[in-house]
Amino acid sequence: MSTQTQTSTLPRLHSARAICEARGISEATLWRERQRGMLDEPIQISAGRKGWTDEQLTVWQARRQQASREAR
């Protein structure tokens, strides 16, 4: 008999702190981006933790770039 192990790839989740450090923005700016609808709501990881997927961050970056182009 052979056993086969299936591995599911879970998306990597990024905390608000990690995003702010990587982007050089404050957490207040990140929350304003959420309020403006530029950044989707984070995924609830556990009772006290939330995070964003790489896909959500890619969409956010595209929205920021589009808004920047439109503001010119």
PDB file of N, CA and C in Angstrom:
ATOM      1  N   MET A   1       0.840  -1.181   0.000  1.00  0.00           N
ATOM      2  CA  MET A   1       0.000   0.000   0.000  1.00  0.00           C
ATOM      3  C   MET A   1       0.881   1.238   0.000  1.00  0.00           C
ATOM      4  N   SER A   2       0.469   2.215  -0.742  1.00  0.00           N
ATOM      5  CA  SER A   2       1.216   3.475  -0.727  1.00  0.00           C
ATOM      6  C   SER A   2       0.320   4.570  -0.162  1.00  0.00           C
ATOM      7  N   THR A   3       0.923   5.409   0.597  1.00  0.00           N
ATOM      8  CA  THR A   3       0.173   6.550   1.125  1.00  0.00           C
ATOM      9  C   THR A   3       0.664   7.794   0.425  1.00  0.00           C
ATOM     10  N   GLN A   4      -0.251   8.648   0.159  1.00  0.00           N
ATOM     11  CA  GLN A   4       0.083   9.881  -0.535  1.00  0.00           C
ATOM     12  C   GLN A   4      -0.277  11.053   0.362  1.00  0.00           C
ATOM     13  N   THR A   5       0.650  11.934   0.545  1.00  0.00           N
ATOM     14  CA  THR A   5       0.415  13.098   1.383  1.00  0.00           C
ATOM     15  C   THR A   5       0.051  14.268   0.500  1.00  0.00           C
ATOM     16  N   GLN A   6      -1.069  14.870   0.786  1.00  0.00           N
ATOM     17  CA  GLN A   6      -1.465  16.065   0.061  1.00  0.00           C
ATOM     18  C   GLN A   6      -1.087  17.274   0.879  1.00  0.00           C
ATOM     19  N   THR A   7      -0.510  18.232   0.211  1.00  0.00           N
ATOM     20  CA  THR A   7      -0.123  19.450   0.885  1.00  0.00           C
ATOM     21  C   THR A   7      -0.938  20.584   0.297  1.00  0.00           C
ATOM     22  N   SER A   8      -1.612  21.301   1.140  1.00  0.00           N
ATOM     23  CA  SER A   8      -2.330  22.476   0.651  1.00  0.00           C
ATOM     24  C   SER A   8      -1.486  23.701   0.948  1.00  0.00           C
ATOM     25  N   THR A   9      -1.457  24.585   0.010  1.00  0.00           N
ATOM     26  CA  THR A   9      -0.681  25.801   0.190  1.00  0.00           C
ATOM     27  C   THR A   9      -1.605  26.884   0.721  1.00  0.00           C
ATOM     28  N   LEU A  10      -1.329  27.318   1.915  1.00  0.00           N
ATOM     29  CA  LEU A  10      -2.121  28.385   2.515  1.00  0.00           C
ATOM     30  C   LEU A  10      -1.529  29.723   2.104  1.00  0.00           C
ATOM     31  N   PRO A  11      -2.374  30.723   1.916  1.00  0.00           N
ATOM     32  CA  PRO A  11      -1.828  32.036   1.548  1.00  0.00           C
ATOM     33  C   PRO A  11      -1.040  32.636   2.705  1.00  0.00           C
ATOM     34  N   ARG A  12       0.001  33.349   2.364  1.00  0.00           N
ATOM     35  CA  ARG A  12       0.778  34.042   3.387  1.00  0.00           C
ATOM     36  C   ARG A  12      -0.002  35.279   3.814  1.00  0.00           C
ATOM     37  N   LEU A  13      -0.080  35.514   5.091  1.00  0.00           N
ATOM     38  CA  LEU A  13      -0.800  36.666   5.607  1.00  0.00           C
ATOM     39  C   LEU A  13       0.180  37.646   6.238  1.00  0.00           C
ATOM     40  N   HIS A  14      -0.055  38.928   5.987  1.00  0.00           N
ATOM     41  CA  HIS A  14       0.826  39.991   6.457  1.00  0.00           C
ATOM     42  C   HIS A  14       0.080  40.860   7.473  1.00  0.00           C
ATOM     43  N   SER A  15       0.724  41.145   8.571  1.00  0.00           N
ATOM     44  CA  SER A  15       0.116  41.981   9.612  1.00  0.00           C
ATOM     45  C   SER A  15       0.190  43.457   9.209  1.00  0.00           C
ATOM     46  N   ALA A  16      -0.605  44.274   9.875  1.00  0.00           N
ATOM     47  CA  ALA A  16      -0.579  45.716   9.634  1.00  0.00           C
ATOM     48  C   ALA A  16       0.815  46.263   9.904  1.00  0.00           C
ATOM     49  N   ARG A  17       1.419  45.830  10.976  1.00  0.00           N
ATOM     50  CA  ARG A  17       2.762  46.309  11.329  1.00  0.00           C
ATOM     51  C   ARG A  17       3.773  45.966  10.229  1.00  0.00           C
ATOM     52  N   ALA A  18       3.732  44.742   9.735  1.00  0.00           N
ATOM     53  CA  ALA A  18       4.676  44.320   8.692  1.00  0.00           C
ATOM     54  C   ALA A  18       4.463  45.119   7.407  1.00  0.00           C
ATOM     55  N   ILE A  19       3.213  45.367   7.059  1.00  0.00           N
ATOM     56  CA  ILE A  19       2.912  46.144   5.843  1.00  0.00           C
ATOM     57  C   ILE A  19       3.424  47.566   5.997  1.00  0.00           C
ATOM     58  N   CYS A  20       3.157  48.168   7.136  1.00  0.00           N
ATOM     59  CA  CYS A  20       3.585  49.546   7.377  1.00  0.00           C
ATOM     60  C   CYS A  20       5.110  49.671   7.335  1.00  0.00           C
ATOM     61  N   GLU A  21       5.801  48.723   7.943  1.00  0.00           N
ATOM     62  CA  GLU A  21       7.266  48.756   7.917  1.00  0.00           C
ATOM     63  C   GLU A  21       7.793  48.600   6.490  1.00  0.00           C
ATOM     64  N   ALA A  22       7.203  47.696   5.725  1.00  0.00           N
ATOM     65  CA  ALA A  22       7.670  47.446   4.352  1.00  0.00           C
ATOM     66  C   ALA A  22       7.371  48.618   3.424  1.00  0.00           C
ATOM     67  N   ARG A  23       6.239  49.294   3.644  1.00  0.00           N
ATOM     68  CA  ARG A  23       5.815  50.391   2.761  1.00  0.00           C
ATOM     69  C   ARG A  23       6.255  51.763   3.245  1.00  0.00           C
ATOM     70  N   GLY A  24       6.725  51.828   4.480  1.00  0.00           N
ATOM     71  CA  GLY A  24       7.138  53.116   5.020  1.00  0.00           C
ATOM     72  C   GLY A  24       5.976  54.050   5.306  1.00  0.00           C
ATOM     73  N   ILE A  25       4.868  53.471   5.765  1.00  0.00           N
ATOM     74  CA  ILE A  25       3.685  54.262   6.114  1.00  0.00           C
ATOM     75  C   ILE A  25       3.303  53.980   7.559  1.00  0.00           C
ATOM     76  N   SER A  26       2.446  54.837   8.106  1.00  0.00           N
ATOM     77  CA  SER A  26       1.980  54.629   9.473  1.00  0.00           C
ATOM     78  C   SER A  26       0.749  53.726   9.467  1.00  0.00           C
ATOM     79  N   GLU A  27       0.440  53.174  10.636  1.00  0.00           N
ATOM     80  CA  GLU A  27      -0.772  52.359  10.740  1.00  0.00           C
ATOM     81  C   GLU A  27      -2.009  53.214  10.515  1.00  0.00           C
ATOM     82  N   ALA A  28      -1.950  54.501  10.894  1.00  0.00           N
ATOM     83  CA  ALA A  28      -3.088  55.397  10.649  1.00  0.00           C
ATOM     84  C   ALA A  28      -3.341  55.535   9.146  1.00  0.00           C
ATOM     85  N   THR A  29      -2.277  55.639   8.360  1.00  0.00           N
ATOM     86  CA  THR A  29      -2.428  55.723   6.904  1.00  0.00           C
ATOM     87  C   THR A  29      -3.031  54.440   6.359  1.00  0.00           C
ATOM     88  N   LEU A  30      -2.593  53.308   6.873  1.00  0.00           N
ATOM     89  CA  LEU A  30      -3.141  52.030   6.432  1.00  0.00           C
ATOM     90  C   LEU A  30      -4.642  51.967   6.706  1.00  0.00           C
ATOM     91  N   TRP A  31      -5.052  52.401   7.886  1.00  0.00           N
ATOM     92  CA  TRP A  31      -6.478  52.365   8.228  1.00  0.00           C
ATOM     93  C   TRP A  31      -7.270  53.362   7.379  1.00  0.00           C
ATOM     94  N   ARG A  32      -6.671  54.514   7.056  1.00  0.00           N
ATOM     95  CA  ARG A  32      -7.357  55.458   6.160  1.00  0.00           C
ATOM     96  C   ARG A  32      -7.558  54.839   4.781  1.00  0.00           C
ATOM     97  N   GLU A  33      -6.579  54.095   4.320  1.00  0.00           N
ATOM     98  CA  GLU A  33      -6.698  53.410   3.037  1.00  0.00           C
ATOM     99  C   GLU A  33      -7.883  52.440   3.069  1.00  0.00           C
ATOM    100  N   ARG A  34      -8.074  51.762   4.182  1.00  0.00           N
ATOM    101  CA  ARG A  34      -9.234  50.865   4.336  1.00  0.00           C
ATOM    102  C   ARG A  34     -10.527  51.655   4.303  1.00  0.00           C
ATOM    103  N   GLN A  35     -10.583  52.770   5.021  1.00  0.00           N
ATOM    104  CA  GLN A  35     -11.803  53.571   5.074  1.00  0.00           C
ATOM    105  C   GLN A  35     -12.175  54.126   3.707  1.00  0.00           C
ATOM    106  N   ARG A  36     -11.162  54.457   2.904  1.00  0.00           N
ATOM    107  CA  ARG A  36     -11.407  54.985   1.555  1.00  0.00           C
ATOM    108  C   ARG A  36     -11.765  53.897   0.558  1.00  0.00           C
ATOM    109  N   GLY A  37     -11.670  52.643   0.960  1.00  0.00           N
ATOM    110  CA  GLY A  37     -11.994  51.535   0.070  1.00  0.00           C
ATOM    111  C   GLY A  37     -10.842  51.119  -0.829  1.00  0.00           C
ATOM    112  N   MET A  38      -9.662  51.646  -0.562  1.00  0.00           N
ATOM    113  CA  MET A  38      -8.497  51.292  -1.370  1.00  0.00           C
ATOM    114  C   MET A  38      -7.951  49.911  -0.988  1.00  0.00           C
ATOM    115  N   LEU A  39      -8.046  49.570   0.287  1.00  0.00           N
ATOM    116  CA  LEU A  39      -7.531  48.307   0.804  1.00  0.00           C
ATOM    117  C   LEU A  39      -8.684  47.510   1.390  1.00  0.00           C
ATOM    118  N   ASP A  40      -8.788  46.263   0.965  1.00  0.00           N
ATOM    119  CA  ASP A  40      -9.853  45.394   1.467  1.00  0.00           C
ATOM    120  C   ASP A  40      -9.677  45.127   2.959  1.00  0.00           C
ATOM    121  N   GLU A  41     -10.741  44.664   3.576  1.00  0.00           N
ATOM    122  CA  GLU A  41     -10.692  44.304   4.990  1.00  0.00           C
ATOM    123  C   GLU A  41      -9.737  43.123   5.170  1.00  0.00           C
ATOM    124  N   PRO A  42      -9.017  43.092   6.277  1.00  0.00           N
ATOM    125  CA  PRO A  42      -8.102  41.972   6.518  1.00  0.00           C
ATOM    126  C   PRO A  42      -8.871  40.699   6.855  1.00  0.00           C
ATOM    127  N   ILE A  43      -8.182  39.593   6.744  1.00  0.00           N
ATOM    128  CA  ILE A  43      -8.738  38.290   7.090  1.00  0.00           C
ATOM    129  C   ILE A  43      -8.478  38.053   8.574  1.00  0.00           C
ATOM    130  N   GLN A  44      -9.501  37.602   9.277  1.00  0.00           N
ATOM    131  CA  GLN A  44      -9.367  37.302  10.703  1.00  0.00           C
ATOM    132  C   GLN A  44      -8.595  35.998  10.848  1.00  0.00           C
ATOM    133  N   ILE A  45      -7.442  36.051  11.485  1.00  0.00           N
ATOM    134  CA  ILE A  45      -6.597  34.876  11.672  1.00  0.00           C
ATOM    135  C   ILE A  45      -6.975  34.159  12.967  1.00  0.00           C
ATOM    136  N   SER A  46      -7.138  34.937  14.010  1.00  0.00           N
ATOM    137  CA  SER A  46      -7.556  34.423  15.312  1.00  0.00           C
ATOM    138  C   SER A  46      -8.249  35.569  16.034  1.00  0.00           C
ATOM    139  N   ALA A  47      -8.586  35.365  17.289  1.00  0.00           N
ATOM    140  CA  ALA A  47      -9.335  36.382  18.029  1.00  0.00           C
ATOM    141  C   ALA A  47      -8.672  37.758  18.003  1.00  0.00           C
ATOM    142  N   GLY A  48      -7.367  37.803  18.115  1.00  0.00           N
ATOM    143  CA  GLY A  48      -6.689  39.091  18.176  1.00  0.00           C
ATOM    144  C   GLY A  48      -5.797  39.404  16.986  1.00  0.00           C
ATOM    145  N   ARG A  49      -5.874  38.607  15.917  1.00  0.00           N
ATOM    146  CA  ARG A  49      -4.965  38.802  14.788  1.00  0.00           C
ATOM    147  C   ARG A  49      -5.722  38.863  13.467  1.00  0.00           C
ATOM    148  N   LYS A  50      -5.293  39.805  12.640  1.00  0.00           N
ATOM    149  CA  LYS A  50      -5.828  39.951  11.294  1.00  0.00           C
ATOM    150  C   LYS A  50      -4.657  40.100  10.347  1.00  0.00           C
ATOM    151  N   GLY A  51      -4.871  39.780   9.086  1.00  0.00           N
ATOM    152  CA  GLY A  51      -3.798  39.929   8.117  1.00  0.00           C
ATOM    153  C   GLY A  51      -4.326  39.998   6.700  1.00  0.00           C
ATOM    154  N   TRP A  52      -3.465  40.419   5.797  1.00  0.00           N
ATOM    155  CA  TRP A  52      -3.815  40.554   4.387  1.00  0.00           C
ATOM    156  C   TRP A  52      -3.003  39.569   3.566  1.00  0.00           C
ATOM    157  N   THR A  53      -3.601  39.041   2.507  1.00  0.00           N
ATOM    158  CA  THR A  53      -2.901  38.122   1.618  1.00  0.00           C
ATOM    159  C   THR A  53      -2.070  38.911   0.615  1.00  0.00           C
ATOM    160  N   ASP A  54      -1.139  38.224  -0.032  1.00  0.00           N
ATOM    161  CA  ASP A  54      -0.349  38.849  -1.093  1.00  0.00           C
ATOM    162  C   ASP A  54      -1.279  39.392  -2.190  1.00  0.00           C
ATOM    163  N   GLU A  55      -2.315  38.640  -2.510  1.00  0.00           N
ATOM    164  CA  GLU A  55      -3.261  39.066  -3.550  1.00  0.00           C
ATOM    165  C   GLU A  55      -3.965  40.373  -3.166  1.00  0.00           C
ATOM    166  N   GLN A  56      -4.400  40.481  -1.928  1.00  0.00           N
ATOM    167  CA  GLN A  56      -5.041  41.709  -1.472  1.00  0.00           C
ATOM    168  C   GLN A  56      -4.082  42.891  -1.566  1.00  0.00           C
ATOM    169  N   LEU A  57      -2.825  42.660  -1.233  1.00  0.00           N
ATOM    170  CA  LEU A  57      -1.837  43.738  -1.274  1.00  0.00           C
ATOM    171  C   LEU A  57      -1.508  44.135  -2.707  1.00  0.00           C
ATOM    172  N   THR A  58      -1.523  43.179  -3.618  1.00  0.00           N
ATOM    173  CA  THR A  58      -1.298  43.478  -5.036  1.00  0.00           C
ATOM    174  C   THR A  58      -2.430  44.343  -5.584  1.00  0.00           C
ATOM    175  N   VAL A  59      -3.659  44.009  -5.235  1.00  0.00           N
ATOM    176  CA  VAL A  59      -4.821  44.802  -5.666  1.00  0.00           C
ATOM    177  C   VAL A  59      -4.738  46.203  -5.075  1.00  0.00           C
ATOM    178  N   TRP A  60      -4.370  46.313  -3.817  1.00  0.00           N
ATOM    179  CA  TRP A  60      -4.229  47.614  -3.157  1.00  0.00           C
ATOM    180  C   TRP A  60      -3.201  48.467  -3.880  1.00  0.00           C
ATOM    181  N   GLN A  61      -2.049  47.872  -4.207  1.00  0.00           N
ATOM    182  CA  GLN A  61      -1.003  48.623  -4.901  1.00  0.00           C
ATOM    183  C   GLN A  61      -1.511  49.116  -6.259  1.00  0.00           C
ATOM    184  N   ALA A  62      -2.237  48.276  -6.977  1.00  0.00           N
ATOM    185  CA  ALA A  62      -2.787  48.676  -8.276  1.00  0.00           C
ATOM    186  C   ALA A  62      -3.777  49.828  -8.112  1.00  0.00           C
ATOM    187  N   ARG A  63      -4.604  49.763  -7.092  1.00  0.00           N
ATOM    188  CA  ARG A  63      -5.571  50.843  -6.835  1.00  0.00           C
ATOM    189  C   ARG A  63      -4.854  52.152  -6.506  1.00  0.00           C
ATOM    190  N   ARG A  64      -3.789  52.067  -5.712  1.00  0.00           N
ATOM    191  CA  ARG A  64      -3.018  53.271  -5.358  1.00  0.00           C
ATOM    192  C   ARG A  64      -2.366  53.881  -6.599  1.00  0.00           C
ATOM    193  N   GLN A  65      -1.830  53.034  -7.462  1.00  0.00           N
ATOM    194  CA  GLN A  65      -1.206  53.526  -8.691  1.00  0.00           C
ATOM    195  C   GLN A  65      -2.237  54.180  -9.606  1.00  0.00           C
ATOM    196  N   GLN A  66      -3.412  53.559  -9.715  1.00  0.00           N
ATOM    197  CA  GLN A  66      -4.482  54.129 -10.544  1.00  0.00           C
ATOM    198  C   GLN A  66      -4.937  55.468  -9.994  1.00  0.00           C
ATOM    199  N   ALA A  67      -5.111  55.560  -8.687  1.00  0.00           N
ATOM    200  CA  ALA A  67      -5.534  56.826  -8.070  1.00  0.00           C
ATOM    201  C   ALA A  67      -4.484  57.900  -8.283  1.00  0.00           C
ATOM    202  N   SER A  68      -3.225  57.517  -8.230  1.00  0.00           N
ATOM    203  CA  SER A  68      -2.142  58.475  -8.459  1.00  0.00           C
ATOM    204  C   SER A  68      -2.164  59.009  -9.890  1.00  0.00           C
ATOM    205  N   ARG A  69      -2.396  58.112 -10.848  1.00  0.00           N
ATOM    206  CA  ARG A  69      -2.485  58.520 -12.257  1.00  0.00           C
ATOM    207  C   ARG A  69      -3.675  59.453 -12.482  1.00  0.00           C
ATOM    208  N   GLU A  70      -4.795  59.137 -11.874  1.00  0.00           N
ATOM    209  CA  GLU A  70      -6.008  59.946 -12.049  1.00  0.00           C
ATOM    210  C   GLU A  70      -5.883  61.318 -11.412  1.00  0.00           C
ATOM    211  N   ALA A  71      -5.056  61.421 -10.378  1.00  0.00           N
ATOM    212  CA  ALA A  71      -4.891  62.702  -9.680  1.00  0.00           C
ATOM    213  C   ALA A  71      -4.041  63.697 -10.461  1.00  0.00           C
ATOM    214  N   ARG A  72      -3.337  63.218 -11.468  1.00  0.00           N
ATOM    215  CA  ARG A  72      -2.464  64.107 -12.253  1.00  0.00           C
ATOM    216  C   ARG A  72      -3.239  64.995 -13.179  1.00  0.00           C
TER     217      ARG A  72
END
